[in-house]
């Protein structure tokens, strides 16, 4: 009976010794090994054998990059405006022994030093700068916090401002200012558009006036050219008539007078004011003109023909009736 109990105790003791001797370090972590309370080495990921009852695991250090959320802070800016700020810090442990033994509470220390420097950096700026220069705030915080935590075996990779909350009344004032600025820009753009429209319209009217003037000039030139050609034609016709009169004498004059006289008489028929027109005519003048035309015809065909002589007509006053079609009178 006693031998059985002793055997069981020996097995339990051996198992306990094995568990305290063999340790496996997970990937991404480093364990600090302490021998009789003193740090001896940093155990990298893998299998490690410890001296039973002498060596033990001191700290399990996470070597992966970590993020630490900084709680919201109320910060007074340089122009005495109170704003709420939230931030986050990204860091990574590079030396496990320093992170384990150089600082008591690693996460609390990082949070405290970040909060302090956040108040220092943003407290030196006015409200407009804190709202518009986030990149500058992030860069300054990163430099300061990284330098302060380097003795702890840390590397601060990034510091980011998540949110900046100005007071409600300042937010409303900023909204009104932004609205006024946008209205101002809209009015400026509208005025510039109206100005450009007026300029373009004036340019168009100017071009239209120029083209109209050029058209009038061209039309006047064409009209003058037409009148010049008409005058030349009339001069040529007059010269031809003069030549004909010079060659034929009174016969040509009688012909032209009879032609114009006949046209004048014919125009009475187109008068819209009377159906029948009575007027005195010296018949001998018309007949004489027609006789002159007959003489010209004789000369043209080369001799006298009995049948062409006009009958004698007595001088007197004739009454000529010109039938008219129905008109307005």
C-alpha atoms as a PDB file:
ATOM      1  CA  UNK A   1       0.000   0.000   0.000  1.00  0.00           C
ATOM      2  CA  UNK A   2       2.725   2.484   0.938  1.00  0.00           C
ATOM      3  CA  UNK A   3       4.747   1.475  -2.067  1.00  0.00           C
ATOM      4  CA  UNK A   4       1.822   2.268  -4.361  1.00  0.00           C
ATOM      5  CA  UNK A   5       1.328   5.696  -2.852  1.00  0.00           C
ATOM      6  CA  UNK A   6       5.045   6.429  -3.117  1.00  0.00           C
ATOM      7  CA  UNK A   7       5.014   5.426  -6.770  1.00  0.00           C
ATOM      8  CA  UNK A   8       2.130   7.758  -7.520  1.00  0.00           C
ATOM      9  CA  UNK A   9       3.862  10.645  -5.808  1.00  0.00           C
ATOM     10  CA  UNK A  10       7.022  10.032  -7.819  1.00  0.00           C
ATOM     11  CA  UNK A  11       5.072  10.080 -11.093  1.00  0.00           C
ATOM     12  CA  UNK A  12       3.352  13.330 -10.153  1.00  0.00           C
ATOM     13  CA  UNK A  13       6.680  14.848  -9.177  1.00  0.00           C
ATOM     14  CA  UNK A  14       8.286  13.827 -12.441  1.00  0.00           C
ATOM     15  CA  UNK A  15       5.385  15.317 -14.413  1.00  0.00           C
ATOM     16  CA  UNK A  16       5.624  18.587 -12.459  1.00  0.00           C
ATOM     17  CA  UNK A  17       9.371  18.758 -13.048  1.00  0.00           C
ATOM     18  CA  UNK A  18       8.869  18.191 -16.766  1.00  0.00           C
ATOM     19  CA  UNK A  19       6.256  20.932 -16.971  1.00  0.00           C
ATOM     20  CA  UNK A  20       8.524  23.379 -15.144  1.00  0.00           C
ATOM     21  CA  UNK A  21      11.535  22.424 -17.216  1.00  0.00           C
ATOM     22  CA  UNK A  22      10.181  22.352 -20.794  1.00  0.00           C
ATOM     23  CA  UNK A  23       8.593  25.587 -22.082  1.00  0.00           C
ATOM     24  CA  UNK A  24       7.357  26.509 -25.569  1.00  0.00           C
ATOM     25  CA  UNK A  25       7.371  30.212 -26.554  1.00  0.00           C
ATOM     26  CA  UNK A  26       4.673  31.181 -29.076  1.00  0.00           C
ATOM     27  CA  UNK A  27       5.414  33.128 -32.246  1.00  0.00           C
ATOM     28  CA  UNK A  28       5.217  36.904 -31.739  1.00  0.00           C
ATOM     29  CA  UNK A  29       6.192  36.725 -28.080  1.00  0.00           C
ATOM     30  CA  UNK A  30       9.430  36.768 -26.102  1.00  0.00           C
ATOM     31  CA  UNK A  31       9.632  35.364 -22.555  1.00  0.00           C
ATOM     32  CA  UNK A  32      12.115  36.677 -20.017  1.00  0.00           C
ATOM     33  CA  UNK A  33      13.897  33.932 -18.059  1.00  0.00           C
ATOM     34  CA  UNK A  34      14.741  34.666 -14.422  1.00  0.00           C
ATOM     35  CA  UNK A  35      17.161  32.539 -12.425  1.00  0.00           C
ATOM     36  CA  UNK A  36      16.677  32.883  -8.715  1.00  0.00           C
ATOM     37  CA  UNK A  37      14.859  36.196  -9.387  1.00  0.00           C
ATOM     38  CA  UNK A  38      17.475  37.648 -11.718  1.00  0.00           C
ATOM     39  CA  UNK A  39      16.989  38.164 -15.453  1.00  0.00           C
ATOM     40  CA  UNK A  40      19.255  35.869 -17.423  1.00  0.00           C
ATOM     41  CA  UNK A  41      18.009  35.781 -21.015  1.00  0.00           C
ATOM     42  CA  UNK A  42      15.110  36.467 -23.380  1.00  0.00           C
ATOM     43  CA  UNK A  43      13.571  33.287 -24.760  1.00  0.00           C
ATOM     44  CA  UNK A  44      12.717  33.574 -28.461  1.00  0.00           C
ATOM     45  CA  UNK A  45       9.788  31.625 -30.005  1.00  0.00           C
ATOM     46  CA  UNK A  46      10.387  27.859 -29.847  1.00  0.00           C
ATOM     47  CA  UNK A  47      11.222  25.086 -27.298  1.00  0.00           C
ATOM     48  CA  UNK A  48      13.311  25.938 -24.250  1.00  0.00           C
ATOM     49  CA  UNK A  49      14.637  23.800 -21.314  1.00  0.00           C
ATOM     50  CA  UNK A  50      14.778  25.433 -17.905  1.00  0.00           C
ATOM     51  CA  UNK A  51      16.561  24.362 -14.746  1.00  0.00           C
ATOM     52  CA  UNK A  52      13.901  22.953 -12.442  1.00  0.00           C
ATOM     53  CA  UNK A  53      13.118  24.988  -9.321  1.00  0.00           C
ATOM     54  CA  UNK A  54      15.831  27.516 -10.333  1.00  0.00           C
ATOM     55  CA  UNK A  55      14.688  29.153 -13.597  1.00  0.00           C
ATOM     56  CA  UNK A  56      11.258  30.554 -14.145  1.00  0.00           C
ATOM     57  CA  UNK A  57       9.322  32.718 -16.676  1.00  0.00           C
ATOM     58  CA  UNK A  58       9.389  36.367 -15.628  1.00  0.00           C
ATOM     59  CA  UNK A  59       7.344  38.305 -18.265  1.00  0.00           C
ATOM     60  CA  UNK A  60       5.631  37.402 -21.497  1.00  0.00           C
ATOM     61  CA  UNK A  61       6.301  40.317 -23.865  1.00  0.00           C
ATOM     62  CA  UNK A  62       4.205  40.842 -26.983  1.00  0.00           C
ATOM     63  CA  UNK A  63       6.630  41.754 -29.791  1.00  0.00           C
ATOM     64  CA  UNK A  64       3.953  42.491 -32.411  1.00  0.00           C
ATOM     65  CA  UNK A  65       2.902  46.042 -33.303  1.00  0.00           C
ATOM     66  CA  UNK A  66       0.145  47.158 -30.978  1.00  0.00           C
ATOM     67  CA  UNK A  67      -2.347  50.001 -30.839  1.00  0.00           C
ATOM     68  CA  UNK A  68      -3.234  51.915 -27.707  1.00  0.00           C
ATOM     69  CA  UNK A  69      -6.360  54.035 -27.570  1.00  0.00           C
ATOM     70  CA  UNK A  70      -5.860  57.351 -25.764  1.00  0.00           C
ATOM     71  CA  UNK A  71      -9.059  58.423 -23.942  1.00  0.00           C
ATOM     72  CA  UNK A  72     -10.677  61.746 -24.789  1.00  0.00           C
ATOM     73  CA  UNK A  73      -8.955  64.776 -23.315  1.00  0.00           C
ATOM     74  CA  UNK A  74     -10.197  68.322 -22.691  1.00  0.00           C
ATOM     75  CA  UNK A  75      -7.453  70.674 -23.868  1.00  0.00           C
ATOM     76  CA  UNK A  76      -7.307  74.483 -23.650  1.00  0.00           C
ATOM     77  CA  UNK A  77      -5.748  76.023 -26.756  1.00  0.00           C
ATOM     78  CA  UNK A  78      -3.552  79.112 -26.913  1.00  0.00           C
ATOM     79  CA  UNK A  79      -6.602  81.338 -27.579  1.00  0.00           C
ATOM     80  CA  UNK A  80      -8.448  79.898 -24.538  1.00  0.00           C
ATOM     81  CA  UNK A  81     -10.813  77.626 -26.456  1.00  0.00           C
ATOM     82  CA  UNK A  82     -11.530  74.259 -24.885  1.00  0.00           C
ATOM     83  CA  UNK A  83     -11.600  71.326 -27.301  1.00  0.00           C
ATOM     84  CA  UNK A  84     -12.039  67.592 -26.849  1.00  0.00           C
ATOM     85  CA  UNK A  85      -9.368  65.388 -28.435  1.00  0.00           C
ATOM     86  CA  UNK A  86      -9.118  61.635 -29.026  1.00  0.00           C
ATOM     87  CA  UNK A  87      -5.937  59.926 -30.224  1.00  0.00           C
ATOM     88  CA  UNK A  88      -4.374  56.524 -30.896  1.00  0.00           C
ATOM     89  CA  UNK A  89      -0.752  55.360 -30.568  1.00  0.00           C
ATOM     90  CA  UNK A  90       0.867  52.551 -32.563  1.00  0.00           C
ATOM     91  CA  UNK A  91       3.989  51.043 -31.042  1.00  0.00           C
ATOM     92  CA  UNK A  92       6.183  47.946 -31.114  1.00  0.00           C
ATOM     93  CA  UNK A  93       8.505  46.434 -28.508  1.00  0.00           C
ATOM     94  CA  UNK A  94      12.034  46.009 -29.850  1.00  0.00           C
ATOM     95  CA  UNK A  95      13.857  44.974 -26.641  1.00  0.00           C
ATOM     96  CA  UNK A  96      11.897  42.650 -24.364  1.00  0.00           C
ATOM     97  CA  UNK A  97      14.167  42.990 -21.322  1.00  0.00           C
ATOM     98  CA  UNK A  98      13.886  46.794 -21.285  1.00  0.00           C
ATOM     99  CA  UNK A  99      10.123  46.682 -21.779  1.00  0.00           C
ATOM    100  CA  UNK A 100       9.882  44.220 -18.874  1.00  0.00           C
ATOM    101  CA  UNK A 101      12.259  45.798 -16.374  1.00  0.00           C
ATOM    102  CA  UNK A 102      12.744  49.484 -17.292  1.00  0.00           C
ATOM    103  CA  UNK A 103       9.114  50.492 -16.695  1.00  0.00           C
ATOM    104  CA  UNK A 104       6.574  49.139 -14.268  1.00  0.00           C
ATOM    105  CA  UNK A 105       3.356  49.526 -16.267  1.00  0.00           C
ATOM    106  CA  UNK A 106       4.185  49.733 -19.959  1.00  0.00           C
ATOM    107  CA  UNK A 107       0.714  50.565 -21.304  1.00  0.00           C
ATOM    108  CA  UNK A 108      -0.083  53.043 -18.561  1.00  0.00           C
ATOM    109  CA  UNK A 109       3.260  54.779 -19.082  1.00  0.00           C
ATOM    110  CA  UNK A 110       2.690  55.120 -22.844  1.00  0.00           C
ATOM    111  CA  UNK A 111      -0.810  56.517 -22.242  1.00  0.00           C
ATOM    112  CA  UNK A 112       0.408  59.002 -19.640  1.00  0.00           C
ATOM    113  CA  UNK A 113       3.303  60.348 -21.697  1.00  0.00           C
ATOM    114  CA  UNK A 114       1.161  60.632 -24.838  1.00  0.00           C
ATOM    115  CA  UNK A 115      -1.586  62.502 -22.979  1.00  0.00           C
ATOM    116  CA  UNK A 116       0.899  64.918 -21.433  1.00  0.00           C
ATOM    117  CA  UNK A 117       2.590  65.737 -24.714  1.00  0.00           C
ATOM    118  CA  UNK A 118      -0.772  66.000 -26.467  1.00  0.00           C
ATOM    119  CA  UNK A 119      -1.772  68.772 -24.061  1.00  0.00           C
ATOM    120  CA  UNK A 120       1.607  70.449 -24.518  1.00  0.00           C
ATOM    121  CA  UNK A 121       1.565  70.408 -28.323  1.00  0.00           C
ATOM    122  CA  UNK A 122      -2.060  71.418 -28.856  1.00  0.00           C
ATOM    123  CA  UNK A 123      -2.008  73.911 -25.991  1.00  0.00           C
ATOM    124  CA  UNK A 124       0.643  75.908 -27.856  1.00  0.00           C
ATOM    125  CA  UNK A 125      -1.643  76.368 -30.886  1.00  0.00           C
ATOM    126  CA  UNK A 126      -4.784  78.390 -31.385  1.00  0.00           C
ATOM    127  CA  UNK A 127      -8.093  76.822 -32.363  1.00  0.00           C
ATOM    128  CA  UNK A 128      -7.750  77.346 -36.097  1.00  0.00           C
ATOM    129  CA  UNK A 129      -4.304  75.736 -36.083  1.00  0.00           C
ATOM    130  CA  UNK A 130      -5.483  72.707 -34.140  1.00  0.00           C
ATOM    131  CA  UNK A 131      -8.285  72.174 -36.666  1.00  0.00           C
ATOM    132  CA  UNK A 132      -6.190  72.695 -39.784  1.00  0.00           C
ATOM    133  CA  UNK A 133      -2.763  71.293 -38.848  1.00  0.00           C
ATOM    134  CA  UNK A 134      -3.422  67.708 -37.807  1.00  0.00           C
ATOM    135  CA  UNK A 135      -0.445  66.405 -39.740  1.00  0.00           C
ATOM    136  CA  UNK A 136       1.854  68.805 -37.926  1.00  0.00           C
ATOM    137  CA  UNK A 137       0.377  67.784 -34.542  1.00  0.00           C
ATOM    138  CA  UNK A 138       0.822  64.092 -35.398  1.00  0.00           C
ATOM    139  CA  UNK A 139       4.437  64.615 -36.467  1.00  0.00           C
ATOM    140  CA  UNK A 140       5.337  66.580 -33.326  1.00  0.00           C
ATOM    141  CA  UNK A 141       3.663  64.038 -31.047  1.00  0.00           C
ATOM    142  CA  UNK A 142       5.400  61.138 -32.793  1.00  0.00           C
ATOM    143  CA  UNK A 143       8.811  62.749 -32.366  1.00  0.00           C
ATOM    144  CA  UNK A 144       8.307  63.631 -28.700  1.00  0.00           C
ATOM    145  CA  UNK A 145       6.681  60.362 -27.581  1.00  0.00           C
ATOM    146  CA  UNK A 146       9.127  58.180 -29.491  1.00  0.00           C
ATOM    147  CA  UNK A 147      12.078  59.961 -27.930  1.00  0.00           C
ATOM    148  CA  UNK A 148      10.559  59.661 -24.451  1.00  0.00           C
ATOM    149  CA  UNK A 149       9.802  55.926 -24.736  1.00  0.00           C
ATOM    150  CA  UNK A 150      13.028  54.827 -26.444  1.00  0.00           C
ATOM    151  CA  UNK A 151      14.666  53.858 -23.065  1.00  0.00           C
ATOM    152  CA  UNK A 152      11.860  51.330 -22.599  1.00  0.00           C
ATOM    153  CA  UNK A 153      12.844  49.389 -25.695  1.00  0.00           C
ATOM    154  CA  UNK A 154       9.861  50.678 -27.693  1.00  0.00           C
ATOM    155  CA  UNK A 155       9.406  52.112 -31.161  1.00  0.00           C
ATOM    156  CA  UNK A 156       6.455  54.509 -31.591  1.00  0.00           C
ATOM    157  CA  UNK A 157       5.454  53.978 -35.199  1.00  0.00           C
ATOM    158  CA  UNK A 158       2.493  56.370 -35.455  1.00  0.00           C
ATOM    159  CA  UNK A 159       0.479  58.836 -33.412  1.00  0.00           C
ATOM    160  CA  UNK A 160      -2.881  59.864 -34.891  1.00  0.00           C
ATOM    161  CA  UNK A 161      -5.472  62.410 -33.770  1.00  0.00           C
ATOM    162  CA  UNK A 162      -8.833  60.692 -34.194  1.00  0.00           C
ATOM    163  CA  UNK A 163     -11.176  63.538 -33.420  1.00  0.00           C
ATOM    164  CA  UNK A 164     -11.152  67.200 -32.386  1.00  0.00           C
ATOM    165  CA  UNK A 165     -14.410  68.512 -30.914  1.00  0.00           C
ATOM    166  CA  UNK A 166     -14.654  72.307 -30.573  1.00  0.00           C
ATOM    167  CA  UNK A 167     -17.365  73.830 -28.333  1.00  0.00           C
ATOM    168  CA  UNK A 168     -20.905  74.017 -29.703  1.00  0.00           C
ATOM    169  CA  UNK A 169     -21.026  77.806 -29.939  1.00  0.00           C
ATOM    170  CA  UNK A 170     -17.703  77.876 -31.784  1.00  0.00           C
ATOM    171  CA  UNK A 171     -18.942  75.151 -34.149  1.00  0.00           C
ATOM    172  CA  UNK A 172     -22.034  77.229 -34.922  1.00  0.00           C
ATOM    173  CA  UNK A 173     -19.911  80.341 -35.482  1.00  0.00           C
ATOM    174  CA  UNK A 174     -17.609  78.391 -37.784  1.00  0.00           C
ATOM    175  CA  UNK A 175     -20.616  77.097 -39.714  1.00  0.00           C
ATOM    176  CA  UNK A 176     -21.922  80.647 -40.185  1.00  0.00           C
ATOM    177  CA  UNK A 177     -18.481  81.812 -41.252  1.00  0.00           C
ATOM    178  CA  UNK A 178     -18.195  78.982 -43.764  1.00  0.00           C
ATOM    179  CA  UNK A 179     -21.670  79.772 -45.116  1.00  0.00           C
ATOM    180  CA  UNK A 180     -20.804  83.464 -45.474  1.00  0.00           C
ATOM    181  CA  UNK A 181     -17.559  82.583 -47.222  1.00  0.00           C
ATOM    182  CA  UNK A 182     -19.324  80.287 -49.656  1.00  0.00           C
ATOM    183  CA  UNK A 183     -21.993  82.925 -50.356  1.00  0.00           C
ATOM    184  CA  UNK A 184     -19.234  85.449 -50.967  1.00  0.00           C
ATOM    185  CA  UNK A 185     -17.499  83.134 -53.409  1.00  0.00           C
ATOM    186  CA  UNK A 186     -20.817  82.391 -55.131  1.00  0.00           C
ATOM    187  CA  UNK A 187     -21.536  86.109 -55.574  1.00  0.00           C
ATOM    188  CA  UNK A 188     -18.008  86.695 -56.878  1.00  0.00           C
ATOM    189  CA  UNK A 189     -18.364  83.870 -59.372  1.00  0.00           C
ATOM    190  CA  UNK A 190     -21.787  85.162 -60.427  1.00  0.00           C
ATOM    191  CA  UNK A 191     -20.404  88.683 -60.901  1.00  0.00           C
ATOM    192  CA  UNK A 192     -17.468  87.353 -62.897  1.00  0.00           C
ATOM    193  CA  UNK A 193     -19.841  85.310 -65.038  1.00  0.00           C
ATOM    194  CA  UNK A 194     -22.074  88.341 -65.661  1.00  0.00           C
ATOM    195  CA  UNK A 195     -19.000  90.418 -66.514  1.00  0.00           C
ATOM    196  CA  UNK A 196     -17.742  87.793 -68.939  1.00  0.00           C
ATOM    197  CA  UNK A 197     -21.221  87.551 -70.474  1.00  0.00           C
ATOM    198  CA  UNK A 198     -21.406  91.308 -70.971  1.00  0.00           C
ATOM    199  CA  UNK A 199     -17.940  91.362 -72.519  1.00  0.00           C
ATOM    200  CA  UNK A 200     -18.825  88.556 -74.899  1.00  0.00           C
ATOM    201  CA  UNK A 201     -22.117  90.237 -75.790  1.00  0.00           C
ATOM    202  CA  UNK A 202     -20.325  93.538 -76.456  1.00  0.00           C
ATOM    203  CA  UNK A 203     -17.736  91.725 -78.549  1.00  0.00           C
ATOM    204  CA  UNK A 204     -20.536  90.104 -80.530  1.00  0.00           C
ATOM    205  CA  UNK A 205     -22.315  93.436 -81.077  1.00  0.00           C
ATOM    206  CA  UNK A 206     -19.023  95.012 -82.118  1.00  0.00           C
ATOM    207  CA  UNK A 207     -18.322  92.228 -84.590  1.00  0.00           C
ATOM    208  CA  UNK A 208     -21.887  92.436 -85.870  1.00  0.00           C
ATOM    209  CA  UNK A 209     -21.563  96.200 -86.387  1.00  0.00           C
ATOM    210  CA  UNK A 210     -18.265  95.713 -88.203  1.00  0.00           C
ATOM    211  CA  UNK A 211     -19.742  93.062 -90.470  1.00  0.00           C
ATOM    212  CA  UNK A 212     -22.845  95.213 -91.075  1.00  0.00           C
ATOM    213  CA  UNK A 213     -20.677  98.202 -91.970  1.00  0.00           C
ATOM    214  CA  UNK A 214     -18.611  96.056 -94.291  1.00  0.00           C
ATOM    215  CA  UNK A 215     -21.834  94.757 -95.857  1.00  0.00           C
ATOM    216  CA  UNK A 216     -23.160  98.305 -96.349  1.00  0.00           C
ATOM    217  CA  UNK A 217     -19.836  99.311 -97.825  1.00  0.00           C
ATOM    218  CA  UNK A 218     -19.878  96.379-100.221  1.00  0.00           C
ATOM    219  CA  UNK A 219     -23.538  97.084-101.136  1.00  0.00           C
ATOM    220  CA  UNK A 220     -22.742 100.756-101.755  1.00  0.00           C
ATOM    221  CA  UNK A 221     -19.785  99.763-103.890  1.00  0.00           C
ATOM    222  CA  UNK A 222     -21.943  97.345-105.880  1.00  0.00           C
ATOM    223  CA  UNK A 223     -24.682  99.964-106.274  1.00  0.00           C
ATOM    224  CA  UNK A 224     -22.187 102.575-107.446  1.00  0.00           C
ATOM    225  CA  UNK A 225     -20.711 100.074-109.872  1.00  0.00           C
ATOM    226  CA  UNK A 226     -24.212  99.257-111.188  1.00  0.00           C
ATOM    227  CA  UNK A 227     -25.024 102.965-111.604  1.00  0.00           C
ATOM    228  CA  UNK A 228     -21.713 103.467-113.351  1.00  0.00           C
ATOM    229  CA  UNK A 229     -22.456 100.643-115.748  1.00  0.00           C
ATOM    230  CA  UNK A 230     -26.007 101.973-116.309  1.00  0.00           C
ATOM    231  CA  UNK A 231     -24.594 105.416-117.020  1.00  0.00           C
ATOM    232  CA  UNK A 232     -22.102 103.905-119.431  1.00  0.00           C
ATOM    233  CA  UNK A 233     -24.943 102.021-121.142  1.00  0.00           C
ATOM    234  CA  UNK A 234     -27.062 105.164-121.355  1.00  0.00           C
ATOM    235  CA  UNK A 235     -24.109 107.109-122.682  1.00  0.00           C
ATOM    236  CA  UNK A 236     -23.464 104.424-125.236  1.00  0.00           C
ATOM    237  CA  UNK A 237     -27.158 104.373-126.240  1.00  0.00           C
ATOM    238  CA  UNK A 238     -27.170 108.168-126.472  1.00  0.00           C
ATOM    239  CA  UNK A 239     -24.052 108.037-128.601  1.00  0.00           C
ATOM    240  CA  UNK A 240     -25.686 105.465-130.864  1.00  0.00           C
ATOM    241  CA  UNK A 241     -28.808 107.664-131.169  1.00  0.00           C
ATOM    242  CA  UNK A 242     -26.621 110.654-131.901  1.00  0.00           C
ATOM    243  CA  UNK A 243     -24.761 108.670-134.543  1.00  0.00           C
ATOM    244  CA  UNK A 244     -28.057 107.532-136.072  1.00  0.00           C
ATOM    245  CA  UNK A 245     -29.380 111.100-136.130  1.00  0.00           C
ATOM    246  CA  UNK A 246     -26.155 112.311-137.653  1.00  0.00           C
ATOM    247  CA  UNK A 247     -26.375 109.634-140.354  1.00  0.00           C
ATOM    248  CA  UNK A 248     -30.139 109.766-141.107  1.00  0.00           C
ATOM    249  CA  UNK A 249     -31.142 113.327-140.230  1.00  0.00           C
ATOM    250  CA  UNK A 250     -34.817 114.141-139.580  1.00  0.00           C
ATOM    251  CA  UNK A 251     -35.985 110.646-140.431  1.00  0.00           C
ATOM    252  CA  UNK A 252     -34.273 109.163-137.335  1.00  0.00           C
ATOM    253  CA  UNK A 253     -35.593 111.988-135.138  1.00  0.00           C
ATOM    254  CA  UNK A 254     -39.122 111.383-136.397  1.00  0.00           C
ATOM    255  CA  UNK A 255     -38.758 107.679-135.675  1.00  0.00           C
ATOM    256  CA  UNK A 256     -37.649 108.152-132.089  1.00  0.00           C
ATOM    257  CA  UNK A 257     -40.286 110.835-131.431  1.00  0.00           C
ATOM    258  CA  UNK A 258     -43.023 108.615-132.841  1.00  0.00           C
ATOM    259  CA  UNK A 259     -41.832 105.680-130.744  1.00  0.00           C
ATOM    260  CA  UNK A 260     -41.870 107.665-127.507  1.00  0.00           C
ATOM    261  CA  UNK A 261     -45.181 109.316-128.447  1.00  0.00           C
ATOM    262  CA  UNK A 262     -46.789 105.961-129.043  1.00  0.00           C
ATOM    263  CA  UNK A 263     -45.552 104.674-125.673  1.00  0.00           C
ATOM    264  CA  UNK A 264     -46.962 107.770-123.954  1.00  0.00           C
ATOM    265  CA  UNK A 265     -50.364 107.254-125.567  1.00  0.00           C
ATOM    266  CA  UNK A 266     -50.349 103.615-124.612  1.00  0.00           C
ATOM    267  CA  UNK A 267     -49.790 104.502-120.943  1.00  0.00           C
ATOM    268  CA  UNK A 268     -53.191 106.198-120.805  1.00  0.00           C
ATOM    269  CA  UNK A 269     -54.782 102.805-121.223  1.00  0.00           C
ATOM    270  CA  UNK A 270     -53.250 101.595-117.975  1.00  0.00           C
ATOM    271  CA  UNK A 271     -54.730 104.438-115.887  1.00  0.00           C
ATOM    272  CA  UNK A 272     -56.822 102.971-113.014  1.00  0.00           C
ATOM    273  CA  UNK A 273     -58.996 106.099-112.635  1.00  0.00           C
ATOM    274  CA  UNK A 274     -61.206 105.987-115.750  1.00  0.00           C
ATOM    275  CA  UNK A 275     -62.846 103.503-118.048  1.00  0.00           C
ATOM    276  CA  UNK A 276     -62.831 105.912-121.039  1.00  0.00           C
ATOM    277  CA  UNK A 277     -60.397 108.788-121.579  1.00  0.00           C
ATOM    278  CA  UNK A 278     -61.098 111.717-123.961  1.00  0.00           C
ATOM    279  CA  UNK A 279     -58.291 114.051-124.864  1.00  0.00           C
ATOM    280  CA  UNK A 280     -57.402 116.210-127.961  1.00  0.00           C
ATOM    281  CA  UNK A 281     -54.653 115.010-130.172  1.00  0.00           C
ATOM    282  CA  UNK A 282     -53.080 116.667-133.149  1.00  0.00           C
ATOM    283  CA  UNK A 283     -53.609 113.803-135.539  1.00  0.00           C
ATOM    284  CA  UNK A 284     -51.325 115.275-138.096  1.00  0.00           C
ATOM    285  CA  UNK A 285     -48.411 115.093-135.626  1.00  0.00           C
ATOM    286  CA  UNK A 286     -48.951 111.414-134.971  1.00  0.00           C
ATOM    287  CA  UNK A 287     -49.592 110.681-138.649  1.00  0.00           C
ATOM    288  CA  UNK A 288     -46.577 112.713-139.601  1.00  0.00           C
ATOM    289  CA  UNK A 289     -44.490 110.737-137.165  1.00  0.00           C
ATOM    290  CA  UNK A 290     -45.835 107.515-138.592  1.00  0.00           C
ATOM    291  CA  UNK A 291     -45.066 108.863-142.054  1.00  0.00           C
ATOM    292  CA  UNK A 292     -41.492 109.463-140.939  1.00  0.00           C
ATOM    293  CA  UNK A 293     -41.326 105.876-139.786  1.00  0.00           C
ATOM    294  CA  UNK A 294     -42.597 104.783-143.226  1.00  0.00           C
ATOM    295  CA  UNK A 295     -39.869 106.798-144.903  1.00  0.00           C
ATOM    296  CA  UNK A 296     -37.266 105.083-142.752  1.00  0.00           C
ATOM    297  CA  UNK A 297     -38.690 101.713-143.717  1.00  0.00           C
ATOM    298  CA  UNK A 298     -38.560 102.644-147.388  1.00  0.00           C
ATOM    299  CA  UNK A 299     -34.964 103.683-147.103  1.00  0.00           C
ATOM    300  CA  UNK A 300     -34.172 100.483-145.292  1.00  0.00           C
ATOM    301  CA  UNK A 301     -35.672  98.209-147.996  1.00  0.00           C
ATOM    302  CA  UNK A 302     -34.125 100.301-150.800  1.00  0.00           C
ATOM    303  CA  UNK A 303     -36.958 101.930-152.730  1.00  0.00           C
ATOM    304  CA  UNK A 304     -40.473 103.380-152.858  1.00  0.00           C
ATOM    305  CA  UNK A 305     -43.538 101.118-153.034  1.00  0.00           C
ATOM    306  CA  UNK A 306     -46.942 102.455-153.940  1.00  0.00           C
ATOM    307  CA  UNK A 307     -48.726 100.506-151.320  1.00  0.00           C
ATOM    308  CA  UNK A 308     -46.656 102.027-148.557  1.00  0.00           C
ATOM    309  CA  UNK A 309     -47.707 105.678-148.929  1.00  0.00           C
ATOM    310  CA  UNK A 310     -49.941 106.821-146.077  1.00  0.00           C
ATOM    311  CA  UNK A 311     -53.350 108.280-146.944  1.00  0.00           C
ATOM    312  CA  UNK A 312     -53.774 112.058-146.657  1.00  0.00           C
ATOM    313  CA  UNK A 313     -55.232 113.226-143.425  1.00  0.00           C
ATOM    314  CA  UNK A 314     -56.895 116.588-142.753  1.00  0.00           C
ATOM    315  CA  UNK A 315     -55.608 118.657-139.910  1.00  0.00           C
ATOM    316  CA  UNK A 316     -57.995 119.119-137.096  1.00  0.00           C
ATOM    317  CA  UNK A 317     -58.837 118.169-133.576  1.00  0.00           C
ATOM    318  CA  UNK A 318     -59.473 114.498-133.048  1.00  0.00           C
ATOM    319  CA  UNK A 319     -61.266 112.869-130.210  1.00  0.00           C
ATOM    320  CA  UNK A 320     -59.743 109.607-129.319  1.00  0.00           C
ATOM    321  CA  UNK A 321     -61.617 107.089-127.233  1.00  0.00           C
ATOM    322  CA  UNK A 322     -59.527 104.504-125.506  1.00  0.00           C
ATOM    323  CA  UNK A 323     -61.568 101.628-124.197  1.00  0.00           C
ATOM    324  CA  UNK A 324     -60.606 100.610-120.675  1.00  0.00           C
ATOM    325  CA  UNK A 325     -61.281  97.562-118.775  1.00  0.00           C
ATOM    326  CA  UNK A 326     -63.033  97.871-115.430  1.00  0.00           C
ATOM    327  CA  UNK A 327     -60.877  99.391-112.762  1.00  0.00           C
ATOM    328  CA  UNK A 328     -61.244 101.047-109.428  1.00  0.00           C
ATOM    329  CA  UNK A 329     -62.872 104.314-110.698  1.00  0.00           C
END
